[in-house]
PDB file of all heavy atoms in Angstrom:
ATOM      1  N   LYS A   1       0.794  -1.228   0.000  1.00  0.00           N
ATOM      2  CA  LYS A   1       0.000   0.000   0.000  1.00  0.00           C
ATOM      3  C   LYS A   1       0.830   1.284   0.000  1.00  0.00           C
ATOM      4  O   LYS A   1       0.451   2.271  -0.637  1.00  0.00           O
ATOM      5  CB  LYS A   1      -0.945  -0.001   1.201  1.00  0.00           C
ATOM      6  CG  LYS A   1      -2.192   0.835   0.994  1.00  0.00           C
ATOM      7  CD  LYS A   1      -3.232   0.525   2.053  1.00  0.00           C
ATOM      8  CE  LYS A   1      -4.543   1.221   1.747  1.00  0.00           C
ATOM      9  NZ  LYS A   1      -5.583   0.887   2.760  1.00  0.00           N
ATOM     10  N   THR A   2       1.950   1.311   0.698  1.00  0.00           N
ATOM     11  CA  THR A   2       2.770   2.526   0.704  1.00  0.00           C
ATOM     12  C   THR A   2       3.288   2.825  -0.694  1.00  0.00           C
ATOM     13  O   THR A   2       3.237   3.970  -1.163  1.00  0.00           O
ATOM     14  CB  THR A   2       3.954   2.378   1.678  1.00  0.00           C
ATOM     15  OG1 THR A   2       3.451   2.118   2.991  1.00  0.00           O
ATOM     16  CG2 THR A   2       4.805   3.634   1.710  1.00  0.00           C
ATOM     17  N   LEU A   3       3.772   1.802  -1.377  1.00  0.00           N
ATOM     18  CA  LEU A   3       4.239   1.962  -2.752  1.00  0.00           C
ATOM     19  C   LEU A   3       3.079   2.379  -3.652  1.00  0.00           C
ATOM     20  O   LEU A   3       3.229   3.267  -4.503  1.00  0.00           O
ATOM     21  CB  LEU A   3       4.844   0.649  -3.256  1.00  0.00           C
ATOM     22  CG  LEU A   3       5.387   0.662  -4.690  1.00  0.00           C
ATOM     23  CD1 LEU A   3       6.652   1.508  -4.774  1.00  0.00           C
ATOM     24  CD2 LEU A   3       5.653  -0.759  -5.183  1.00  0.00           C
ATOM     25  N   ALA A   4       1.920   1.769  -3.451  1.00  0.00           N
ATOM     26  CA  ALA A   4       0.760   2.044  -4.301  1.00  0.00           C
ATOM     27  C   ALA A   4       0.304   3.493  -4.198  1.00  0.00           C
ATOM     28  O   ALA A   4       0.081   4.163  -5.217  1.00  0.00           O
ATOM     29  CB  ALA A   4      -0.390   1.109  -3.935  1.00  0.00           C
ATOM     30  N   VAL A   5       0.156   4.006  -2.968  1.00  0.00           N
ATOM     31  CA  VAL A   5      -0.377   5.355  -2.777  1.00  0.00           C
ATOM     32  C   VAL A   5       0.683   6.425  -3.021  1.00  0.00           C
ATOM     33  O   VAL A   5       0.425   7.440  -3.687  1.00  0.00           O
ATOM     34  CB  VAL A   5      -0.972   5.500  -1.357  1.00  0.00           C
ATOM     35  CG1 VAL A   5      -1.408   6.947  -1.106  1.00  0.00           C
ATOM     36  CG2 VAL A   5      -2.147   4.552  -1.171  1.00  0.00           C
ATOM     37  N   ASN A   6       1.891   6.207  -2.494  1.00  0.00           N
ATOM     38  CA  ASN A   6       2.914   7.255  -2.535  1.00  0.00           C
ATOM     39  C   ASN A   6       3.619   7.375  -3.878  1.00  0.00           C
ATOM     40  O   ASN A   6       4.089   8.452  -4.241  1.00  0.00           O
ATOM     41  CB  ASN A   6       3.952   7.013  -1.448  1.00  0.00           C
ATOM     42  CG  ASN A   6       3.397   7.188  -0.052  1.00  0.00           C
ATOM     43  OD1 ASN A   6       2.200   7.387   0.126  1.00  0.00           O
ATOM     44  ND2 ASN A   6       4.246   7.096   0.956  1.00  0.00           N
ATOM     45  N   HIS A   7       3.723   6.269  -4.606  1.00  0.00           N
ATOM     46  CA  HIS A   7       4.418   6.340  -5.895  1.00  0.00           C
ATOM     47  C   HIS A   7       3.559   5.941  -7.088  1.00  0.00           C
ATOM     48  O   HIS A   7       3.440   6.695  -8.051  1.00  0.00           O
ATOM     49  CB  HIS A   7       5.677   5.467  -5.879  1.00  0.00           C
ATOM     50  CG  HIS A   7       6.273   5.304  -7.240  1.00  0.00           C
ATOM     51  ND1 HIS A   7       6.729   6.376  -7.998  1.00  0.00           N
ATOM     52  CD2 HIS A   7       6.446   4.195  -8.033  1.00  0.00           C
ATOM     53  CE1 HIS A   7       7.174   5.939  -9.169  1.00  0.00           C
ATOM     54  NE2 HIS A   7       7.006   4.628  -9.225  1.00  0.00           N
ATOM     55  N   LEU A   8       2.947   4.766  -7.042  1.00  0.00           N
ATOM     56  CA  LEU A   8       2.244   4.280  -8.224  1.00  0.00           C
ATOM     57  C   LEU A   8       1.029   5.136  -8.579  1.00  0.00           C
ATOM     58  O   LEU A   8       0.739   5.355  -9.759  1.00  0.00           O
ATOM     59  CB  LEU A   8       1.832   2.818  -8.043  1.00  0.00           C
ATOM     60  CG  LEU A   8       2.982   1.817  -7.933  1.00  0.00           C
ATOM     61  CD1 LEU A   8       2.441   0.419  -7.679  1.00  0.00           C
ATOM     62  CD2 LEU A   8       3.855   1.842  -9.194  1.00  0.00           C
ATOM     63  N   ALA A   9       0.311   5.631  -7.559  1.00  0.00           N
ATOM     64  CA  ALA A   9      -0.858   6.478  -7.839  1.00  0.00           C
ATOM     65  C   ALA A   9      -0.466   7.774  -8.548  1.00  0.00           C
ATOM     66  O   ALA A   9      -1.062   8.124  -9.578  1.00  0.00           O
ATOM     67  CB  ALA A   9      -1.638   6.761  -6.561  1.00  0.00           C
ATOM     68  N   PRO A  10       0.518   8.537  -8.051  1.00  0.00           N
ATOM     69  CA  PRO A  10       0.917   9.733  -8.801  1.00  0.00           C
ATOM     70  C   PRO A  10       1.519   9.409 -10.161  1.00  0.00           C
ATOM     71  O   PRO A  10       1.320  10.154 -11.124  1.00  0.00           O
ATOM     72  CB  PRO A  10       1.927  10.430  -7.884  1.00  0.00           C
ATOM     73  CG  PRO A  10       2.314   9.433  -6.851  1.00  0.00           C
ATOM     74  CD  PRO A  10       1.171   8.489  -6.721  1.00  0.00           C
ATOM     75  N   PHE A  11       2.249   8.305 -10.248  1.00  0.00           N
ATOM     76  CA  PHE A  11       2.799   7.871 -11.539  1.00  0.00           C
ATOM     77  C   PHE A  11       1.665   7.640 -12.535  1.00  0.00           C
ATOM     78  O   PHE A  11       1.694   8.137 -13.671  1.00  0.00           O
ATOM     79  CB  PHE A  11       3.603   6.578 -11.328  1.00  0.00           C
ATOM     80  CG  PHE A  11       4.228   6.014 -12.585  1.00  0.00           C
ATOM     81  CD1 PHE A  11       5.497   6.408 -12.979  1.00  0.00           C
ATOM     82  CD2 PHE A  11       3.556   5.083 -13.358  1.00  0.00           C
ATOM     83  CE1 PHE A  11       6.081   5.884 -14.140  1.00  0.00           C
ATOM     84  CE2 PHE A  11       4.114   4.558 -14.514  1.00  0.00           C
ATOM     85  CZ  PHE A  11       5.391   4.960 -14.908  1.00  0.00           C
ATOM     86  N   LEU A  12       0.637   6.905 -12.117  1.00  0.00           N
ATOM     87  CA  LEU A  12      -0.491   6.581 -12.984  1.00  0.00           C
ATOM     88  C   LEU A  12      -1.317   7.819 -13.311  1.00  0.00           C
ATOM     89  O   LEU A  12      -1.645   8.075 -14.490  1.00  0.00           O
ATOM     90  CB  LEU A  12      -1.364   5.517 -12.323  1.00  0.00           C
ATOM     91  CG  LEU A  12      -2.655   5.102 -13.043  1.00  0.00           C
ATOM     92  CD1 LEU A  12      -2.375   4.650 -14.465  1.00  0.00           C
ATOM     93  CD2 LEU A  12      -3.372   4.012 -12.249  1.00  0.00           C
ATOM     94  N   LEU A  13      -1.676   8.611 -12.296  1.00  0.00           N
ATOM     95  CA  LEU A  13      -2.514   9.786 -12.534  1.00  0.00           C
ATOM     96  C   LEU A  13      -1.815  10.779 -13.458  1.00  0.00           C
ATOM     97  O   LEU A  13      -2.445  11.365 -14.359  1.00  0.00           O
ATOM     98  CB  LEU A  13      -2.881  10.459 -11.211  1.00  0.00           C
ATOM     99  CG  LEU A  13      -3.818  11.669 -11.332  1.00  0.00           C
ATOM    100  CD1 LEU A  13      -5.147  11.289 -11.968  1.00  0.00           C
ATOM    101  CD2 LEU A  13      -4.049  12.305  -9.956  1.00  0.00           C
ATOM    102  N   THR A  14      -0.525  10.965 -13.250  1.00  0.00           N
ATOM    103  CA  THR A  14       0.230  11.878 -14.104  1.00  0.00           C
ATOM    104  C   THR A  14       0.185  11.425 -15.557  1.00  0.00           C
ATOM    105  O   THR A  14      -0.002  12.239 -16.476  1.00  0.00           O
ATOM    106  CB  THR A  14       1.689  11.980 -13.622  1.00  0.00           C
ATOM    107  OG1 THR A  14       1.712  12.495 -12.280  1.00  0.00           O
ATOM    108  CG2 THR A  14       2.494  12.907 -14.528  1.00  0.00           C
ATOM    109  N   HIS A  15       0.340  10.123 -15.779  1.00  0.00           N
ATOM    110  CA  HIS A  15       0.270   9.614 -17.143  1.00  0.00           C
ATOM    111  C   HIS A  15      -1.119   9.804 -17.755  1.00  0.00           C
ATOM    112  O   HIS A  15      -1.244  10.147 -18.934  1.00  0.00           O
ATOM    113  CB  HIS A  15       0.657   8.131 -17.177  1.00  0.00           C
ATOM    114  CG  HIS A  15       2.132   7.909 -17.210  1.00  0.00           C
ATOM    115  ND1 HIS A  15       2.930   8.034 -16.094  1.00  0.00           N
ATOM    116  CD2 HIS A  15       2.967   7.594 -18.243  1.00  0.00           C
ATOM    117  CE1 HIS A  15       4.187   7.802 -16.417  1.00  0.00           C
ATOM    118  NE2 HIS A  15       4.238   7.534 -17.712  1.00  0.00           N
ATOM    119  N   LEU A  16      -2.145   9.607 -16.951  1.00  0.00           N
ATOM    120  CA  LEU A  16      -3.509   9.755 -17.455  1.00  0.00           C
ATOM    121  C   LEU A  16      -3.837  11.202 -17.805  1.00  0.00           C
ATOM    122  O   LEU A  16      -4.668  11.462 -18.678  1.00  0.00           O
ATOM    123  CB  LEU A  16      -4.507   9.224 -16.420  1.00  0.00           C
ATOM    124  CG  LEU A  16      -4.412   7.720 -16.116  1.00  0.00           C
ATOM    125  CD1 LEU A  16      -5.309   7.355 -14.934  1.00  0.00           C
ATOM    126  CD2 LEU A  16      -4.773   6.889 -17.341  1.00  0.00           C
ATOM    127  N   LEU A  17      -3.186  12.149 -17.120  1.00  0.00           N
ATOM    128  CA  LEU A  17      -3.432  13.576 -17.366  1.00  0.00           C
ATOM    129  C   LEU A  17      -2.361  14.215 -18.246  1.00  0.00           C
ATOM    130  O   LEU A  17      -2.415  15.419 -18.525  1.00  0.00           O
ATOM    131  CB  LEU A  17      -3.504  14.332 -16.029  1.00  0.00           C
ATOM    132  CG  LEU A  17      -4.604  13.889 -15.065  1.00  0.00           C
ATOM    133  CD1 LEU A  17      -4.568  14.746 -13.808  1.00  0.00           C
ATOM    134  CD2 LEU A  17      -5.981  13.952 -15.711  1.00  0.00           C
ATOM    135  N   ARG A  18      -1.429  13.416 -18.683  1.00  0.00           N
ATOM    136  CA  ARG A  18      -0.278  13.958 -19.413  1.00  0.00           C
ATOM    137  C   ARG A  18      -0.684  14.684 -20.681  1.00  0.00           C
ATOM    138  O   ARG A  18      -0.174  15.787 -20.967  1.00  0.00           O
ATOM    139  CB  ARG A  18       0.694  12.827 -19.727  1.00  0.00           C
ATOM    140  CG  ARG A  18       1.902  13.266 -20.534  1.00  0.00           C
ATOM    141  CD  ARG A  18       2.950  12.180 -20.608  1.00  0.00           C
ATOM    142  NE  ARG A  18       3.931  12.438 -21.642  1.00  0.00           N
ATOM    143  CZ  ARG A  18       5.026  11.718 -21.837  1.00  0.00           C
ATOM    144  NH1 ARG A  18       5.277  10.681 -21.055  1.00  0.00           N
ATOM    145  NH2 ARG A  18       5.877  12.016 -22.805  1.00  0.00           N
ATOM    146  N   ASP A  19      -1.583  14.117 -21.467  1.00  0.00           N
ATOM    147  CA  ASP A  19      -2.007  14.787 -22.708  1.00  0.00           C
ATOM    148  C   ASP A  19      -2.617  16.147 -22.425  1.00  0.00           C
ATOM    149  O   ASP A  19      -2.335  17.125 -23.126  1.00  0.00           O
ATOM    150  CB  ASP A  19      -3.015  13.916 -23.465  1.00  0.00           C
ATOM    151  CG  ASP A  19      -2.366  12.740 -24.173  1.00  0.00           C
ATOM    152  OD1 ASP A  19      -1.119  12.707 -24.261  1.00  0.00           O
ATOM    153  OD2 ASP A  19      -3.106  11.848 -24.627  1.00  0.00           O
ATOM    154  N   ARG A  20      -3.471  16.221 -21.382  1.00  0.00           N
ATOM    155  CA  ARG A  20      -4.114  17.489 -21.053  1.00  0.00           C
ATOM    156  C   ARG A  20      -3.063  18.514 -20.585  1.00  0.00           C
ATOM    157  O   ARG A  20      -3.148  19.696 -20.951  1.00  0.00           O
ATOM    158  CB  ARG A  20      -5.168  17.270 -19.970  1.00  0.00           C
ATOM    159  CG  ARG A  20      -5.985  18.495 -19.638  1.00  0.00           C
ATOM    160  CD  ARG A  20      -6.862  18.964 -20.807  1.00  0.00           C
ATOM    161  NE  ARG A  20      -8.094  18.204 -20.944  1.00  0.00           N
ATOM    162  CZ  ARG A  20      -8.480  17.594 -22.057  1.00  0.00           C
ATOM    163  NH1 ARG A  20      -7.729  17.650 -23.154  1.00  0.00           N
ATOM    164  NH2 ARG A  20      -9.618  16.933 -22.124  1.00  0.00           N
ATOM    165  N   LEU A  21      -2.095  18.077 -19.801  1.00  0.00           N
ATOM    166  CA  LEU A  21      -1.033  18.967 -19.344  1.00  0.00           C
ATOM    167  C   LEU A  21      -0.203  19.475 -20.523  1.00  0.00           C
ATOM    168  O   LEU A  21       0.122  20.668 -20.604  1.00  0.00           O
ATOM    169  CB  LEU A  21      -0.133  18.244 -18.343  1.00  0.00           C
ATOM    170  CG  LEU A  21      -0.737  18.006 -16.953  1.00  0.00           C
ATOM    171  CD1 LEU A  21      -0.041  16.838 -16.258  1.00  0.00           C
ATOM    172  CD2 LEU A  21      -0.630  19.265 -16.093  1.00  0.00           C
ATOM    173  N   GLU A  22       0.120  18.584 -21.456  1.00  0.00           N
ATOM    174  CA  GLU A  22       0.906  18.993 -22.619  1.00  0.00           C
ATOM    175  C   GLU A  22       0.101  19.934 -23.524  1.00  0.00           C
ATOM    176  O   GLU A  22       0.653  20.901 -24.069  1.00  0.00           O
ATOM    177  CB  GLU A  22       1.375  17.768 -23.401  1.00  0.00           C
ATOM    178  CG  GLU A  22       2.444  16.961 -22.671  1.00  0.00           C
ATOM    179  CD  GLU A  22       3.084  15.905 -23.553  1.00  0.00           C
ATOM    180  OE1 GLU A  22       3.272  16.157 -24.766  1.00  0.00           O
ATOM    181  OE2 GLU A  22       3.409  14.815 -23.036  1.00  0.00           O
ATOM    182  N   GLN A  23      -1.186  19.662 -23.666  1.00  0.00           N
ATOM    183  CA  GLN A  23      -2.044  20.561 -24.452  1.00  0.00           C
ATOM    184  C   GLN A  23      -2.062  21.957 -23.838  1.00  0.00           C
ATOM    185  O   GLN A  23      -1.994  22.969 -24.546  1.00  0.00           O
ATOM    186  CB  GLN A  23      -3.464  20.002 -24.528  1.00  0.00           C
ATOM    187  CG  GLN A  23      -3.619  18.768 -25.400  1.00  0.00           C
ATOM    188  CD  GLN A  23      -4.965  18.079 -25.198  1.00  0.00           C
ATOM    189  OE1 GLN A  23      -5.843  18.582 -24.487  1.00  0.00           O
ATOM    190  NE2 GLN A  23      -5.130  16.920 -25.805  1.00  0.00           N
ATOM    191  N   THR A  24      -2.179  22.010 -22.517  1.00  0.00           N
ATOM    192  CA  THR A  24      -2.193  23.299 -21.824  1.00  0.00           C
ATOM    193  C   THR A  24      -0.873  24.030 -22.011  1.00  0.00           C
ATOM    194  O   THR A  24      -0.849  25.243 -22.257  1.00  0.00           O
ATOM    195  CB  THR A  24      -2.469  23.091 -20.325  1.00  0.00           C
ATOM    196  OG1 THR A  24      -3.719  22.401 -20.164  1.00  0.00           O
ATOM    197  CG2 THR A  24      -2.524  24.421 -19.584  1.00  0.00           C
ATOM    198  N   ALA A  25       0.221  23.285 -21.905  1.00  0.00           N
ATOM    199  CA  ALA A  25       1.537  23.908 -22.075  1.00  0.00           C
ATOM    200  C   ALA A  25       1.704  24.479 -23.481  1.00  0.00           C
ATOM    201  O   ALA A  25       2.262  25.574 -23.659  1.00  0.00           O
ATOM    202  CB  ALA A  25       2.631  22.884 -21.777  1.00  0.00           C
ATOM    203  N   ARG A  26       1.208  23.757 -24.488  1.00  0.00           N
ATOM    204  CA  ARG A  26       1.304  24.279 -25.859  1.00  0.00           C
ATOM    205  C   ARG A  26       0.480  25.549 -26.030  1.00  0.00           C
ATOM    206  O   ARG A  26       0.893  26.491 -26.713  1.00  0.00           O
ATOM    207  CB  ARG A  26       0.844  23.210 -26.857  1.00  0.00           C
ATOM    208  CG  ARG A  26       1.838  22.073 -27.066  1.00  0.00           C
ATOM    209  CD  ARG A  26       1.478  21.237 -28.298  1.00  0.00           C
ATOM    210  NE  ARG A  26       0.189  20.563 -28.149  1.00  0.00           N
ATOM    211  CZ  ARG A  26       0.030  19.359 -27.634  1.00  0.00           C
ATOM    212  NH1 ARG A  26       1.090  18.700 -27.173  1.00  0.00           N
ATOM    213  NH2 ARG A  26      -1.165  18.799 -27.556  1.00  0.00           N
ATOM    214  N   ALA A  27      -0.697  25.571 -25.400  1.00  0.00           N
ATOM    215  CA  ALA A  27      -1.590  26.719 -25.564  1.00  0.00           C
ATOM    216  C   ALA A  27      -1.200  27.909 -24.695  1.00  0.00           C
ATOM    217  O   ALA A  27      -1.343  29.063 -25.106  1.00  0.00           O
ATOM    218  CB  ALA A  27      -3.028  26.302 -25.251  1.00  0.00           C
ATOM    219  N   GLU A  28      -0.722  27.628 -23.495  1.00  0.00           N
ATOM    220  CA  GLU A  28      -0.498  28.692 -22.511  1.00  0.00           C
ATOM    221  C   GLU A  28       0.974  28.984 -22.237  1.00  0.00           C
ATOM    222  O   GLU A  28       1.286  29.925 -21.514  1.00  0.00           O
ATOM    223  CB  GLU A  28      -1.179  28.317 -21.186  1.00  0.00           C
ATOM    224  CG  GLU A  28      -2.667  28.022 -21.308  1.00  0.00           C
ATOM    225  CD  GLU A  28      -3.475  29.208 -21.792  1.00  0.00           C
ATOM    226  OE1 GLU A  28      -3.069  30.363 -21.522  1.00  0.00           O
ATOM    227  OE2 GLU A  28      -4.505  28.994 -22.465  1.00  0.00           O
ATOM    228  N   GLY A  29       1.866  28.156 -22.756  1.00  0.00           N
ATOM    229  CA  GLY A  29       3.291  28.398 -22.542  1.00  0.00           C
ATOM    230  C   GLY A  29       3.931  27.452 -21.554  1.00  0.00           C
ATOM    231  O   GLY A  29       5.119  27.158 -21.647  1.00  0.00           O
ATOM    232  N   GLN A  30       3.144  26.980 -20.580  1.00  0.00           N
ATOM    233  CA  GLN A  30       3.675  26.030 -19.616  1.00  0.00           C
ATOM    234  C   GLN A  30       2.546  25.389 -18.817  1.00  0.00           C
ATOM    235  O   GLN A  30       1.427  25.889 -18.756  1.00  0.00           O
ATOM    236  CB  GLN A  30       4.662  26.675 -18.646  1.00  0.00           C
ATOM    237  CG  GLN A  30       4.032  27.659 -17.669  1.00  0.00           C
ATOM    238  CD  GLN A  30       5.003  28.077 -16.574  1.00  0.00           C
ATOM    239  OE1 GLN A  30       5.026  27.510 -15.493  1.00  0.00           O
ATOM    240  NE2 GLN A  30       5.820  29.087 -16.883  1.00  0.00           N
ATOM    241  N   ALA A  31       2.866  24.258 -18.212  1.00  0.00           N
ATOM    242  CA  ALA A  31       2.051  23.624 -17.180  1.00  0.00           C
ATOM    243  C   ALA A  31       3.038  23.076 -16.156  1.00  0.00           C
ATOM    244  O   ALA A  31       4.231  22.932 -16.460  1.00  0.00           O
ATOM    245  CB  ALA A  31       1.179  22.517 -17.761  1.00  0.00           C
ATOM    246  N   ARG A  32       2.542  22.794 -14.957  1.00  0.00           N
ATOM    247  CA  ARG A  32       3.457  22.369 -13.895  1.00  0.00           C
ATOM    248  C   ARG A  32       2.939  21.127 -13.175  1.00  0.00           C
ATOM    249  O   ARG A  32       1.736  20.990 -12.933  1.00  0.00           O
ATOM    250  CB  ARG A  32       3.660  23.489 -12.870  1.00  0.00           C
ATOM    251  CG  ARG A  32       4.291  24.748 -13.451  1.00  0.00           C
ATOM    252  CD  ARG A  32       4.636  25.756 -12.362  1.00  0.00           C
ATOM    253  NE  ARG A  32       5.149  26.993 -12.928  1.00  0.00           N
ATOM    254  CZ  ARG A  32       5.721  27.968 -12.216  1.00  0.00           C
ATOM    255  NH1 ARG A  32       5.832  27.841 -10.893  1.00  0.00           N
ATOM    256  NH2 ARG A  32       6.163  29.061 -12.810  1.00  0.00           N
ATOM    257  N   ILE A  33       3.875  20.258 -12.832  1.00  0.00           N
ATOM    258  CA  ILE A  33       3.611  19.110 -11.975  1.00  0.00           C
ATOM    259  C   ILE A  33       4.470  19.263 -10.731  1.00  0.00           C
ATOM    260  O   ILE A  33       5.688  19.470 -10.833  1.00  0.00           O
ATOM    261  CB  ILE A  33       3.943  17.782 -12.687  1.00  0.00           C
ATOM    262  CG1 ILE A  33       3.110  17.623 -13.953  1.00  0.00           C
ATOM    263  CG2 ILE A  33       3.729  16.601 -11.746  1.00  0.00           C
ATOM    264  CD1 ILE A  33       3.568  16.473 -14.851  1.00  0.00           C
ATOM    265  N   VAL A  34       3.834  19.184  -9.569  1.00  0.00           N
ATOM    266  CA  VAL A  34       4.541  19.277  -8.293  1.00  0.00           C
ATOM    267  C   VAL A  34       4.377  17.962  -7.557  1.00  0.00           C
ATOM    268  O   VAL A  34       3.257  17.558  -7.220  1.00  0.00           O
ATOM    269  CB  VAL A  34       3.997  20.433  -7.423  1.00  0.00           C
ATOM    270  CG1 VAL A  34       4.773  20.519  -6.109  1.00  0.00           C
ATOM    271  CG2 VAL A  34       4.059  21.758  -8.185  1.00  0.00           C
ATOM    272  N   ASN A  35       5.479  17.270  -7.328  1.00  0.00           N
ATOM    273  CA  ASN A  35       5.465  16.043  -6.551  1.00  0.00           C
ATOM    274  C   ASN A  35       5.919  16.347  -5.133  1.00  0.00           C
ATOM    275  O   ASN A  35       7.027  16.853  -4.934  1.00  0.00           O
ATOM    276  CB  ASN A  35       6.392  15.004  -7.187  1.00  0.00           C
ATOM    277  CG  ASN A  35       5.921  14.566  -8.554  1.00  0.00           C
ATOM    278  OD1 ASN A  35       4.725  14.410  -8.781  1.00  0.00           O
ATOM    279  ND2 ASN A  35       6.848  14.374  -9.493  1.00  0.00           N
ATOM    280  N   VAL A  36       5.063  16.072  -4.161  1.00  0.00           N
ATOM    281  CA  VAL A  36       5.408  16.341  -2.765  1.00  0.00           C
ATOM    282  C   VAL A  36       6.232  15.168  -2.243  1.00  0.00           C
ATOM    283  O   VAL A  36       5.739  14.048  -2.104  1.00  0.00           O
ATOM    284  CB  VAL A  36       4.156  16.570  -1.911  1.00  0.00           C
ATOM    285  CG1 VAL A  36       4.546  16.798  -0.450  1.00  0.00           C
ATOM    286  CG2 VAL A  36       3.366  17.773  -2.433  1.00  0.00           C
ATOM    287  N   GLY A  37       7.491  15.425  -1.999  1.00  0.00           N
ATOM    288  CA  GLY A  37       8.427  14.407  -1.543  1.00  0.00           C
ATOM    289  C   GLY A  37       8.770  14.580  -0.082  1.00  0.00           C
ATOM    290  O   GLY A  37       8.010  15.164   0.697  1.00  0.00           O
ATOM    291  N   SER A  38       9.946  14.099   0.284  1.00  0.00           N
ATOM    292  CA  SER A  38      10.357  14.174   1.687  1.00  0.00           C
ATOM    293  C   SER A  38      11.856  13.966   1.798  1.00  0.00           C
ATOM    294  O   SER A  38      12.464  13.220   1.017  1.00  0.00           O
ATOM    295  CB  SER A  38       9.634  13.101   2.508  1.00  0.00           C
ATOM    296  OG  SER A  38      10.167  13.016   3.819  1.00  0.00           O
ATOM    297  N   GLU A  39      12.447  14.602   2.801  1.00  0.00           N
ATOM    298  CA  GLU A  39      13.846  14.347   3.118  1.00  0.00           C
ATOM    299  C   GLU A  39      14.057  12.910   3.587  1.00  0.00           C
ATOM    300  O   GLU A  39      15.192  12.452   3.688  1.00  0.00           O
ATOM    301  CB  GLU A  39      14.323  15.322   4.194  1.00  0.00           C
ATOM    302  CG  GLU A  39      14.576  16.727   3.694  1.00  0.00           C
ATOM    303  CD  GLU A  39      15.844  16.835   2.870  1.00  0.00           C
ATOM    304  OE1 GLU A  39      16.914  17.075   3.459  1.00  0.00           O
ATOM    305  OE2 GLU A  39      15.761  16.643   1.636  1.00  0.00           O
ATOM    306  N   ALA A  40      12.966  12.186   3.847  1.00  0.00           N
ATOM    307  CA  ALA A  40      13.074  10.770   4.206  1.00  0.00           C
ATOM    308  C   ALA A  40      13.659   9.939   3.072  1.00  0.00           C
ATOM    309  O   ALA A  40      14.009   8.775   3.267  1.00  0.00           O
ATOM    310  CB  ALA A  40      11.699  10.220   4.593  1.00  0.00           C
ATOM    311  N   HIS A  41      13.776  10.516   1.866  1.00  0.00           N
ATOM    312  CA  HIS A  41      14.391   9.771   0.762  1.00  0.00           C
ATOM    313  C   HIS A  41      15.883   9.580   0.971  1.00  0.00           C
ATOM    314  O   HIS A  41      16.485   8.676   0.401  1.00  0.00           O
ATOM    315  CB  HIS A  41      14.136  10.484  -0.574  1.00  0.00           C
ATOM    316  CG  HIS A  41      15.120  11.573  -0.878  1.00  0.00           C
ATOM    317  ND1 HIS A  41      14.989  12.864  -0.394  1.00  0.00           N
ATOM    318  CD2 HIS A  41      16.276  11.575  -1.604  1.00  0.00           C
ATOM    319  CE1 HIS A  41      15.991  13.606  -0.815  1.00  0.00           C
ATOM    320  NE2 HIS A  41      16.793  12.854  -1.552  1.00  0.00           N
ATOM    321  N   ARG A  42      16.478  10.437   1.808  1.00  0.00           N
ATOM    322  CA  ARG A  42      17.924  10.352   2.039  1.00  0.00           C
ATOM    323  C   ARG A  42      18.238   9.092   2.853  1.00  0.00           C
ATOM    324  O   ARG A  42      17.634   8.843   3.898  1.00  0.00           O
ATOM    325  CB  ARG A  42      18.439  11.602   2.754  1.00  0.00           C
ATOM    326  CG  ARG A  42      18.240  12.872   1.932  1.00  0.00           C
ATOM    327  CD  ARG A  42      18.924  14.078   2.534  1.00  0.00           C
ATOM    328  NE  ARG A  42      18.546  15.299   1.826  1.00  0.00           N
ATOM    329  CZ  ARG A  42      19.129  15.729   0.705  1.00  0.00           C
ATOM    330  NH1 ARG A  42      20.120  15.030   0.181  1.00  0.00           N
ATOM    331  NH2 ARG A  42      18.723  16.849   0.109  1.00  0.00           N
ATOM    332  N   GLY A  43      19.175   8.317   2.368  1.00  0.00           N
ATOM    333  CA  GLY A  43      19.527   7.072   3.023  1.00  0.00           C
ATOM    334  C   GLY A  43      18.702   5.888   2.548  1.00  0.00           C
ATOM    335  O   GLY A  43      18.993   4.743   2.889  1.00  0.00           O
ATOM    336  N   ALA A  44      17.665   6.157   1.744  1.00  0.00           N
ATOM    337  CA  ALA A  44      16.825   5.070   1.220  1.00  0.00           C
ATOM    338  C   ALA A  44      17.410   4.540  -0.081  1.00  0.00           C
ATOM    339  O   ALA A  44      18.248   5.176  -0.716  1.00  0.00           O
ATOM    340  CB  ALA A  44      15.406   5.568   0.992  1.00  0.00           C
TER     341      ALA A  44
END
Protein backbone atom coordinates (compact mmCIF):
# COMPACT_ATOMS: atom_id res chain seq x y z
CA LYS A 1 0.00 0.00 0.00
CA THR A 2 2.77 2.53 0.70
CA LEU A 3 4.24 1.96 -2.75
CA ALA A 4 0.76 2.04 -4.30
CA VAL A 5 -0.38 5.35 -2.78
CA ASN A 6 2.91 7.25 -2.54
CA HIS A 7 4.42 6.34 -5.90
CA LEU A 8 2.24 4.28 -8.22
CA ALA A 9 -0.86 6.48 -7.84
CA PRO A 10 0.92 9.73 -8.80
CA PHE A 11 2.80 7.87 -11.54
CA LEU A 12 -0.49 6.58 -12.98
CA LEU A 13 -2.51 9.79 -12.53
CA THR A 14 0.23 11.88 -14.10
CA HIS A 15 0.27 9.61 -17.14
CA LEU A 16 -3.51 9.75 -17.46
CA LEU A 17 -3.43 13.58 -17.37
CA ARG A 18 -0.28 13.96 -19.41
CA ASP A 19 -2.01 14.79 -22.71
CA ARG A 20 -4.11 17.49 -21.05
CA LEU A 21 -1.03 18.97 -19.34
CA GLU A 22 0.91 18.99 -22.62
CA GLN A 23 -2.04 20.56 -24.45
CA THR A 24 -2.19 23.30 -21.82
CA ALA A 25 1.54 23.91 -22.08
CA ARG A 26 1.30 24.28 -25.86
CA ALA A 27 -1.59 26.72 -25.56
CA GLU A 28 -0.50 28.69 -22.51
CA GLY A 29 3.29 28.40 -22.54
CA GLN A 30 3.67 26.03 -19.62
CA ALA A 31 2.05 23.62 -17.18
CA ARG A 32 3.46 22.37 -13.90
CA ILE A 33 3.61 19.11 -11.97
CA VAL A 34 4.54 19.28 -8.29
CA ASN A 35 5.47 16.04 -6.55
CA VAL A 36 5.41 16.34 -2.76
CA GLY A 37 8.43 14.41 -1.54
CA SER A 38 10.36 14.17 1.69
CA GLU A 39 13.85 14.35 3.12
CA ALA A 40 13.07 10.77 4.21
CA HIS A 41 14.39 9.77 0.76
CA ARG A 42 17.92 10.35 2.04
CA GLY A 43 19.53 7.07 3.02
CA ALA A 44 16.83 5.07 1.22
